Protein backbone atom coordinates (compact mmCIF):
# COMPACT_ATOMS: atom_id res chain seq x y z
CA MET A 1 0.00 0.00 0.00
CA THR A 2 1.27 3.46 -0.90
CA GLY A 3 0.82 6.86 0.68
CA GLY A 4 1.39 5.47 4.16
CA GLY A 5 -1.58 3.13 3.98
CA PRO A 6 -5.07 3.76 5.33
CA ARG A 7 -6.24 3.34 8.88
CA PRO A 8 -8.57 0.38 9.47
CA PRO A 9 -12.11 1.06 8.25
CA VAL A 10 -14.78 2.09 10.72
CA GLU A 11 -17.15 -0.51 9.31
CA ALA A 12 -16.55 -3.32 6.83
CA SER A 13 -18.27 -6.53 5.83
CA GLY A 14 -18.14 -8.43 2.56
CA PHE A 15 -15.16 -6.46 1.21
CA GLU A 16 -11.45 -7.09 1.65
CA VAL A 17 -8.84 -4.34 1.32
CA LEU A 18 -6.27 -4.94 -1.41
CA GLY A 19 -4.42 -1.63 -1.48
CA TYR A 20 -4.48 2.11 -0.94
CA THR A 21 -2.82 5.28 -2.21
CA ASP A 22 -3.31 8.95 -1.43
CA VAL A 23 -2.35 9.61 -5.09
CA GLY A 24 0.49 11.96 -4.21
CA HIS A 25 -1.64 13.87 -1.68
CA ARG A 26 -4.20 14.58 -4.41
CA PRO A 27 -7.33 12.67 -3.40
CA PRO A 28 -9.17 11.45 -6.50
CA PHE A 29 -12.78 12.09 -7.39
CA LYS A 30 -14.05 10.43 -10.63
CA LEU A 31 -12.34 7.37 -12.09
CA ALA A 32 -11.69 5.75 -15.49
CA LEU A 33 -9.65 2.73 -16.60
CA GLN A 34 -7.45 1.73 -19.51
CA VAL A 35 -5.52 -1.52 -20.07
CA VAL A 36 -2.49 -1.41 -22.36
CA GLY A 37 -0.76 -4.75 -22.89
CA ASN A 38 -0.38 -6.27 -19.45
CA GLN A 39 -0.52 -2.94 -17.61
CA TRP A 40 -3.64 -1.58 -15.92
CA TYR A 41 -3.98 2.19 -15.52
CA LEU A 42 -6.54 4.12 -13.50
CA TYR A 43 -7.17 7.72 -14.56
CA THR A 44 -8.30 9.88 -11.66
CA ALA A 45 -9.88 13.31 -11.86
CA HIS A 46 -9.48 15.64 -8.89
CA LEU A 47 -11.90 17.82 -6.98
CA TRP A 48 -9.52 19.97 -4.94
CA HIS A 49 -6.59 19.93 -7.38
CA ARG A 50 -6.52 21.16 -10.97
CA GLY A 51 -5.60 18.24 -13.19
CA TRP A 52 -5.61 14.47 -13.56
CA SER A 53 -3.48 11.67 -12.13
CA ILE A 54 -2.60 8.30 -13.64
CA VAL A 55 -2.17 5.37 -11.27
CA ASP A 56 -0.63 2.03 -12.27
CA VAL A 57 -2.96 -0.55 -10.68
CA THR A 58 -1.49 -3.63 -12.36
CA ASP A 59 -0.75 -4.96 -8.88
CA PRO A 60 -3.76 -3.96 -6.77
CA ALA A 61 -1.70 -4.35 -3.60
CA ARG A 62 0.77 -1.72 -4.82
CA PRO A 63 -1.07 1.07 -6.67
CA ALA A 64 1.54 3.51 -7.94
CA PRO A 65 0.89 7.07 -9.16
CA VAL A 66 2.96 7.42 -12.34
CA ALA A 67 1.92 10.81 -13.78
CA PHE A 68 0.09 14.02 -13.04
CA VAL A 69 -1.30 16.17 -15.85
CA PRO A 70 -1.94 19.78 -14.76
CA GLY A 71 -5.28 21.37 -15.63
CA PRO A 72 -6.44 24.99 -16.06
CA ALA A 73 -6.43 27.25 -13.00
CA ASN A 74 -9.67 28.06 -11.15
CA THR A 75 -11.40 25.26 -13.10
CA TRP A 76 -13.01 22.02 -12.01
CA THR A 77 -11.24 19.06 -13.57
CA HIS A 78 -13.08 16.38 -11.60
CA GLN A 79 -14.67 14.32 -14.42
CA VAL A 80 -12.89 11.89 -16.74
CA GLN A 81 -13.71 9.20 -19.33
CA VAL A 82 -11.32 6.90 -21.23
CA ALA A 83 -12.04 4.59 -24.17
CA ASP A 84 -10.49 3.63 -27.54
CA GLY A 85 -7.19 5.30 -26.67
CA LEU A 86 -8.88 8.66 -26.07
CA MET A 87 -9.56 10.52 -22.85
CA VAL A 88 -12.32 13.11 -22.50
CA THR A 89 -11.98 15.40 -19.49
CA ALA A 90 -14.58 17.92 -18.34
CA LEU A 91 -13.83 21.55 -17.49
CA ALA A 92 -16.22 23.70 -15.47
CA ARG A 93 -16.59 26.78 -13.33
CA ILE A 94 -16.11 26.08 -9.61
CA PRO A 95 -18.89 27.41 -7.34
CA PRO A 96 -17.52 29.64 -4.56
CA ARG A 97 -18.72 27.20 -1.88
CA TRP A 98 -16.36 24.64 -3.42
CA GLY A 99 -13.37 26.97 -3.59
CA GLY A 100 -13.95 28.81 -6.86
CA ARG A 101 -12.86 32.43 -7.25
CA ALA A 102 -15.71 34.29 -8.93
CA GLU A 103 -13.50 37.24 -9.85
CA GLU A 104 -11.15 35.07 -11.94
CA GLY A 105 -11.64 33.38 -15.28
CA PHE A 106 -12.08 29.64 -15.85
CA ALA A 107 -11.89 27.15 -18.72
CA GLU A 108 -14.80 25.24 -20.30
CA ALA A 109 -16.08 22.73 -21.47
CA ALA A 110 -13.90 19.67 -22.34
CA ILE A 111 -10.52 18.46 -23.58
CA VAL A 112 -9.94 15.48 -25.90
CA TRP A 113 -6.65 13.65 -25.30
CA ASP A 114 -4.69 10.93 -27.04
CA VAL A 115 -3.77 8.35 -24.36
CA ARG A 116 -2.38 5.59 -26.53
CA ASP A 117 0.77 6.29 -24.56
CA PRO A 118 -1.03 5.63 -21.27
CA VAL A 119 1.23 7.74 -19.03
CA ALA A 120 1.74 10.71 -21.36
CA PRO A 121 -1.63 12.14 -22.47
CA ARG A 122 -1.38 14.41 -25.51
CA GLU A 123 -3.99 17.12 -25.95
CA LEU A 124 -5.79 16.91 -29.30
CA ALA A 125 -8.61 19.44 -29.06
CA ARG A 126 -10.68 21.63 -26.77
CA LEU A 127 -14.42 22.14 -26.84
CA SER A 128 -16.07 25.38 -25.75
CA PHE A 129 -19.73 26.42 -25.80
CA GLY A 130 -19.57 29.81 -24.09
CA GLY A 131 -21.19 28.55 -20.89
CA THR A 132 -20.11 27.33 -17.48
CA GLY A 133 -18.58 24.04 -18.63
CA SER A 134 -19.49 20.36 -18.63
CA HIS A 135 -20.04 17.73 -15.97
CA ARG A 136 -20.56 13.96 -16.22
CA ASN A 137 -19.99 13.13 -19.89
CA PHE A 138 -20.39 9.77 -21.67
CA TRP A 139 -17.53 8.54 -23.84
CA ALA A 140 -17.49 4.77 -24.33
CA GLY A 141 -15.64 4.62 -27.63
CA GLY A 142 -16.99 4.57 -31.14
CA ARG A 143 -17.89 7.75 -32.97
CA TYR A 144 -19.87 9.90 -30.55
CA ALA A 145 -19.31 11.53 -27.19
CA TRP A 146 -22.35 12.67 -25.24
CA LEU A 147 -21.69 15.77 -23.15
CA ALA A 148 -23.65 17.13 -20.21
CA THR A 149 -22.71 20.75 -20.74
CA ASN A 150 -23.88 24.32 -20.43
CA ALA A 151 -23.92 26.52 -23.51
CA ALA A 152 -24.37 30.24 -24.02
CA GLY A 153 -28.02 31.22 -23.67
CA TYR A 154 -29.12 27.97 -22.01
CA ALA A 155 -30.08 27.33 -18.41
CA ASN A 156 -27.92 24.68 -16.71
CA TYR A 157 -26.68 21.52 -18.43
CA LEU A 158 -28.13 20.12 -21.65
CA LEU A 159 -27.17 17.20 -23.91
CA VAL A 160 -24.67 18.01 -26.68
CA VAL A 161 -23.62 15.23 -29.08
CA ILE A 162 -20.04 15.40 -30.38
CA ASP A 163 -18.69 13.56 -33.42
CA LEU A 164 -15.17 12.26 -32.67
CA ALA A 165 -14.56 10.57 -36.02
CA ASP A 166 -11.58 12.91 -36.21
CA PRO A 167 -10.68 13.49 -32.53
CA SER A 168 -8.40 16.37 -33.45
CA ARG A 169 -11.40 18.16 -34.95
CA PRO A 170 -14.44 17.29 -32.81
CA ARG A 171 -17.69 18.79 -34.01
CA GLU A 172 -21.13 19.20 -32.53
CA VAL A 173 -23.86 17.29 -34.36
CA GLY A 174 -26.86 17.42 -32.02
CA ARG A 175 -28.49 19.02 -28.98
CA TRP A 176 -31.44 18.17 -26.74
CA TRP A 177 -32.83 19.91 -23.68
CA VAL A 178 -35.95 20.04 -21.55
CA GLU A 179 -38.44 22.74 -22.43
CA GLY A 180 -37.64 25.72 -20.23
CA GLN A 181 -33.85 25.46 -20.57
CA GLY A 182 -33.48 26.90 -24.05
CA PRO A 183 -32.89 30.54 -24.99
CA GLY A 184 -35.99 32.59 -24.21
CA GLU A 185 -37.90 29.60 -22.79
CA THR A 186 -39.73 29.70 -19.47
CA PRO A 187 -39.99 26.58 -17.32
CA SER A 188 -43.48 25.28 -16.67
CA PRO A 189 -44.96 26.09 -13.25
CA GLY A 190 -43.55 23.74 -10.63
CA GLU A 191 -40.55 22.72 -12.76
CA ASP A 192 -37.38 22.76 -10.65
CA GLY A 193 -33.83 21.67 -11.34
CA LEU A 194 -33.89 21.28 -15.12
CA SER A 195 -30.29 20.16 -15.64
CA LEU A 196 -28.64 17.09 -17.17
CA HIS A 197 -26.27 15.72 -14.57
CA GLY A 198 -25.21 12.86 -16.83
CA PRO A 199 -23.82 10.67 -18.01
CA ALA A 200 -26.20 10.00 -20.88
CA TYR A 201 -25.85 6.21 -20.63
CA VAL A 202 -26.23 4.97 -24.23
CA VAL A 203 -27.30 1.40 -25.05
CA GLY A 204 -28.01 0.74 -28.72
CA SER A 205 -30.43 3.37 -29.95
CA LEU A 206 -31.55 4.50 -26.49
CA ALA A 207 -29.96 6.93 -24.05
CA TYR A 208 -30.87 6.95 -20.36
CA LEU A 209 -30.29 10.38 -18.86
CA ALA A 210 -30.22 11.60 -15.26
CA TRP A 211 -31.80 15.05 -15.56
CA GLY A 212 -31.65 16.31 -11.98
CA GLY A 213 -35.01 17.65 -10.86
CA ALA A 214 -36.54 16.61 -14.19
CA GLY A 215 -36.09 12.92 -13.31
CA MET A 216 -34.93 10.15 -15.63
CA ILE A 217 -35.33 10.82 -19.32
CA VAL A 218 -35.10 8.21 -22.09
CA LEU A 219 -34.20 9.41 -25.57
CA ASP A 220 -34.20 7.66 -28.93
CA VAL A 221 -30.75 8.45 -30.33
CA ALA A 222 -30.83 6.23 -33.41
CA ASP A 223 -30.16 9.50 -35.22
CA PRO A 224 -27.69 11.32 -32.91
CA THR A 225 -28.36 14.56 -34.74
CA ARG A 226 -32.03 14.45 -33.76
CA PRO A 227 -32.56 12.91 -30.31
CA ARG A 228 -36.25 12.17 -29.66
CA LEU A 229 -38.07 11.91 -26.32
CA VAL A 230 -39.26 8.40 -25.42
CA SER A 231 -40.25 8.87 -21.77
CA ARG A 232 -39.71 10.89 -18.60
CA LEU A 233 -40.05 9.61 -15.03
CA ASP A 234 -40.27 12.28 -12.33
CA VAL A 235 -39.37 11.51 -8.70
CA SER A 236 -39.29 14.94 -7.07
CA PRO A 237 -41.37 15.83 -5.30
CA PRO A 238 -41.64 13.98 -2.99
CA PHE A 239 -37.95 13.00 -3.21
CA ASN A 240 -35.10 15.48 -3.05
CA GLY A 241 -35.19 17.74 -6.11
CA GLY A 242 -33.21 20.75 -7.28
CA LEU A 243 -30.22 21.11 -9.60
CA TYR A 244 -27.22 19.00 -10.51
CA GLY A 245 -28.38 15.51 -9.71
CA ALA A 246 -30.32 16.05 -6.50
CA GLY A 247 -33.42 14.63 -8.21
CA ILE A 248 -31.87 11.99 -10.49
CA HIS A 249 -28.08 11.89 -10.49
CA THR A 250 -27.37 8.58 -12.26
CA ALA A 251 -29.39 6.19 -14.44
CA MET A 252 -27.65 2.85 -14.95
CA PRO A 253 -29.53 0.43 -17.25
CA PHE A 254 -29.20 -3.35 -17.07
CA PRO A 255 -30.52 -4.03 -20.58
CA ARG A 256 -30.32 -7.84 -20.42
CA ARG A 257 -32.80 -7.81 -17.52
CA GLY A 258 -34.88 -4.81 -18.52
CA LEU A 259 -33.92 -3.02 -15.31
CA ALA A 260 -32.25 0.22 -14.29
CA LEU A 261 -30.51 1.32 -11.11
CA VAL A 262 -31.46 4.95 -10.59
CA ASN A 263 -30.50 7.37 -7.83
CA GLY A 264 -30.37 11.01 -6.86
CA GLU A 265 -27.64 12.80 -4.96
CA ALA A 266 -27.74 13.95 -1.36
CA HIS A 267 -26.64 17.58 -1.14
CA GLU A 268 -27.23 19.08 2.28
CA GLU A 269 -25.19 17.95 5.25
CA ARG A 270 -26.84 16.22 8.20
CA CYS A 271 -29.83 15.32 5.99
CA ALA A 272 -31.26 18.86 6.00
CA GLU A 273 -33.38 18.04 2.93
CA PRO A 274 -36.03 15.54 1.75
CA LEU A 275 -35.07 11.89 1.32
CA THR A 276 -32.97 11.22 -1.79
CA PHE A 277 -34.22 8.65 -4.30
CA ALA A 278 -32.39 5.33 -4.86
CA GLY A 279 -34.29 2.47 -6.46
CA ILE A 280 -34.75 -0.14 -9.18
CA LEU A 281 -36.89 0.55 -12.24
CA ASP A 282 -38.50 -1.80 -14.74
CA ILE A 283 -37.48 -0.45 -18.17
CA GLY A 284 -38.72 -3.44 -20.16
CA ASP A 285 -40.89 -0.89 -21.94
CA PRO A 286 -38.64 2.18 -22.26
CA ALA A 287 -41.70 4.29 -23.01
CA ASP A 288 -43.22 3.40 -19.64
CA PRO A 289 -40.57 2.95 -16.91
CA ARG A 290 -41.99 2.01 -13.53
CA LEU A 291 -40.66 1.72 -10.00
CA LEU A 292 -40.04 -1.81 -8.71
CA SER A 293 -38.29 -1.22 -5.39
CA MET A 294 -36.19 1.10 -3.26
CA LEU A 295 -32.69 0.36 -2.04
CA PRO A 296 -32.53 -0.17 1.72
CA LEU A 297 -31.08 2.77 3.61
CA PRO A 298 -27.64 2.05 5.10
CA ARG A 299 -27.64 1.61 8.88
CA PRO A 300 -24.60 2.18 11.12
CA THR A 301 -23.07 -0.77 12.91
CA SER A 302 -24.21 -1.03 16.50
CA GLY A 303 -21.85 0.50 19.06
CA LEU A 304 -21.03 3.63 17.06
CA PRO A 305 -21.77 7.03 18.64
CA TYR A 306 -24.69 7.60 16.21
CA THR A 307 -27.67 5.46 15.21
CA SER A 308 -28.23 7.25 11.90
CA TYR A 309 -25.66 8.48 9.41
CA CYS A 310 -27.61 11.76 9.36
CA ASP A 311 -26.07 12.46 12.77
CA LYS A 312 -22.49 11.66 11.75
CA GLY A 313 -21.86 14.95 9.96
CA GLY A 314 -21.17 15.70 6.33
CA ARG A 315 -23.45 14.42 3.57
CA PHE A 316 -25.34 11.12 3.83
CA GLY A 317 -27.16 9.63 0.86
CA PRO A 318 -26.59 8.06 -2.55
CA HIS A 319 -24.04 9.46 -4.96
CA ASN A 320 -22.28 7.35 -7.62
CA SER A 321 -22.70 3.78 -8.85
CA HIS A 322 -20.36 1.58 -10.87
CA LEU A 323 -20.96 2.22 -14.59
CA PRO A 324 -19.40 -0.36 -16.95
CA GLN A 325 -20.50 1.59 -20.06
CA GLY A 326 -19.88 -1.40 -22.31
CA GLN A 327 -16.14 -1.36 -21.60
CA TYR A 328 -14.48 -4.80 -21.83
CA ASP A 329 -12.07 -4.15 -18.96
CA LEU A 330 -14.81 -3.11 -16.52
CA GLU A 331 -16.97 -5.55 -14.61
CA ASP A 332 -20.30 -6.05 -16.39
CA ARG A 333 -22.80 -7.95 -14.27
CA ASP A 334 -26.42 -7.31 -13.44
CA ASP A 335 -26.85 -9.33 -10.26
CA VAL A 336 -24.76 -6.94 -8.12
CA ALA A 337 -24.77 -3.15 -7.86
CA TYR A 338 -22.20 -0.92 -6.16
CA MET A 339 -23.09 2.54 -4.85
CA THR A 340 -21.34 5.18 -2.74
CA TRP A 341 -23.25 6.88 0.08
CA PHE A 342 -20.90 9.69 1.18
CA ASN A 343 -20.40 9.29 4.96
CA ALA A 344 -21.82 5.74 4.81
CA GLY A 345 -19.05 4.64 2.45
CA LEU A 346 -19.58 2.00 -0.23
CA ARG A 347 -22.50 -0.44 -0.36
CA ALA A 348 -22.99 -3.53 -2.55
CA TYR A 349 -26.47 -4.87 -3.33
CA ASP A 350 -27.75 -8.26 -4.40
CA LEU A 351 -30.20 -7.67 -7.27
CA THR A 352 -31.13 -11.33 -7.77
CA ASP A 353 -34.72 -10.36 -6.94
CA PRO A 354 -35.11 -6.78 -8.23
CA ARG A 355 -38.26 -6.35 -6.15
CA LEU A 356 -36.25 -7.01 -3.01
CA PRO A 357 -32.67 -5.66 -3.32
CA VAL A 358 -30.52 -6.69 -0.37
CA GLU A 359 -27.34 -5.06 0.94
CA ILE A 360 -24.65 -7.77 1.04
CA ALA A 361 -21.49 -5.76 1.74
CA HIS A 362 -20.30 -2.40 3.01
CA PHE A 363 -17.03 -0.56 3.49
CA VAL A 364 -16.87 2.69 5.46
CA PRO A 365 -13.36 4.22 5.60
CA ALA A 366 -12.02 5.79 8.76
CA ASP A 367 -12.56 9.53 8.86
CA PRO A 368 -9.79 11.63 7.31
CA VAL A 369 -7.25 13.46 9.43
CA ARG A 370 -6.31 16.08 6.83
CA ARG A 371 -8.59 18.57 5.11
CA TYR A 372 -7.89 19.21 1.43
CA GLY A 373 -10.97 21.31 0.63
CA PRO A 374 -13.68 23.38 2.34
CA LEU A 375 -16.26 20.58 2.40
CA PRO A 376 -17.73 18.89 4.34
CA GLU A 377 -18.49 21.80 6.64
CA THR A 378 -20.19 20.18 9.65
CA ALA A 379 -17.50 17.58 10.39
CA LEU A 380 -14.35 16.19 8.77
CA VAL A 381 -15.80 12.76 8.03
CA THR A 382 -15.38 10.28 5.21
CA GLN A 383 -17.20 11.25 2.01
CA SER A 384 -16.93 8.33 -0.39
CA GLU A 385 -17.44 9.66 -3.90
CA ASP A 386 -16.96 7.33 -6.88
CA VAL A 387 -16.75 3.58 -7.44
CA LEU A 388 -15.41 1.64 -10.41
CA VAL A 389 -14.92 -2.14 -10.73
CA ASP A 390 -12.64 -3.83 -13.24
CA ARG A 391 -13.09 -7.27 -14.83
CA ARG A 392 -10.57 -8.72 -12.37
CA GLY A 393 -13.01 -7.85 -9.59
CA VAL A 394 -10.88 -5.02 -8.22
CA VAL A 395 -13.13 -2.33 -6.72
CA TYR A 396 -11.81 1.25 -6.77
CA LEU A 397 -13.28 3.66 -4.21
CA SER A 398 -12.42 7.37 -4.02
CA ASP A 399 -12.79 9.64 -1.01
CA LYS A 400 -12.36 13.37 -1.53
CA ASN A 401 -10.33 14.13 1.60
CA GLN A 402 -8.35 10.88 1.69
CA GLY A 403 -7.36 8.84 -1.33
CA LEU A 404 -8.05 5.71 -3.35
CA TYR A 405 -9.00 2.35 -1.83
CA LEU A 406 -8.66 -0.89 -3.78
CA LEU A 407 -11.06 -3.56 -2.55
CA ARG A 408 -12.52 -6.92 -3.54
CA LEU A 409 -16.10 -8.06 -2.98
CA THR A 410 -16.10 -11.31 -0.94
CA ALA A 411 -19.87 -11.52 -0.40
CA THR A 412 -21.82 -13.78 -2.74
CA PRO A 413 -25.07 -12.64 -4.38
CA GLY A 414 -27.99 -15.03 -4.09
CA ALA A 415 -26.81 -16.30 -0.73
CA SER A 416 -28.68 -13.71 1.31
C-alpha cells in the first residue's frame, strides 16, 4: 500500500482491502480505466486539485501514481472518461462554496486527449460552448461523445452530441434539452432543477439520462443529430429535487434484464433536505418505466456514537454507482450493484430479486485526518465519492479528503 496506507475502516463486511494510495496527496474524485498490454492504468480526476493523475494498478496491492497532468487554473477538472485510446476530461466553473474564485476566469467545457501512450496524455482538441462548462460526460468509444454541458443562452446543463470521427477536430452534431432550458424559454410552473447531470448512458439506440429535478429521461438516439423523447419519469417531489443531480443523479440500465438502477444525490449535510431517491426501475418498456423497489437505507453498525448516518456529519445519501459503459475491462454484471453513500461509504447490493434488493457488503473508511478542501463543513468525516470495478473484480473507491482504496467483494449474491 502506498501513501502510508489507510487506517482500518470504521465498518466493513463483505469487502477485503487490497491496497491504498493517497495519489500523491491529491485525493481522486471520478475514475476511469485503460488496459495497455499487461498494464492496468486508473485515470483519476481531482476535486480539490486542478488536473488528472494516472495510477498504475497492475498490482492492486501496490497502486503507484505514475503521472500528473496539470489542468487549467480556477477550473473544475473532476470528471474523466477513457475509451479507444482517447480521454475526454470535463472543465467547469467552480462554485464559490467549493473553492472557486468568482472574480477570476475559468476554462470550459472539455478536452480530448490521445492516451495511446497511457502515461503521457497528448492534448488533441478543446471544446467550448460559451457557458459554465461540462459535468458527467459519456464517452465509451466509437464515434460519438455525449456531453452534459452548459452553452451560451441555455439554463444549466443540456445534452450536446459530439462527433469524434476525427478526434483532433471534434464537431457538434446534435443538442437536446428540456423545455424551459433553451434561450428565451420559461420553465413550466412547478418545474425545478432542469439540468442534465449525466452521463447519458447509451445502449443501442436508447440513451438513459439523469436530468436532476426533471427525473430520468429516455431518448431515442438512433439518429444522434435528432434525439427524440421516449419517456420521462419524475421523482421529485416527494424526493429530493433541485439542480445537478439532486433529483436523479445517475441512471444505470441493465438491458439484459430490462432493469435500471437509478439514484439522486444527497446535497445538504446532516440530511437537512427531503429523502434522496435510490431504487430499481423496470425499463422493459422504455416508453413506460416504472418503480419496482427502493434500495434499503444504510444503517450504522451497533456500538457507534450515532444510530443514523444523518447524525455523523457531512453528507449522507446516494451518490455514484459503478458504470461499466460497455467497456471490456470493466466488470459487467447485473446481479450486483455498487453505490457510494458519502459518509456511509460503499454499499454492494444483491439484485437477484429486483423487487427485493438486499445489501450484502459495506465498506466505510475511517474519517480523514487532513482537510484538502472546504467541504464537508459540519464535520471532517469520510465522504466516499466514486466507485469503479474492473473485470478482475478489483473495486476502486475514491474519497475526496483521503485517497483511493482498492477492494474486492467477498460476499456472494444469491446467498442472502
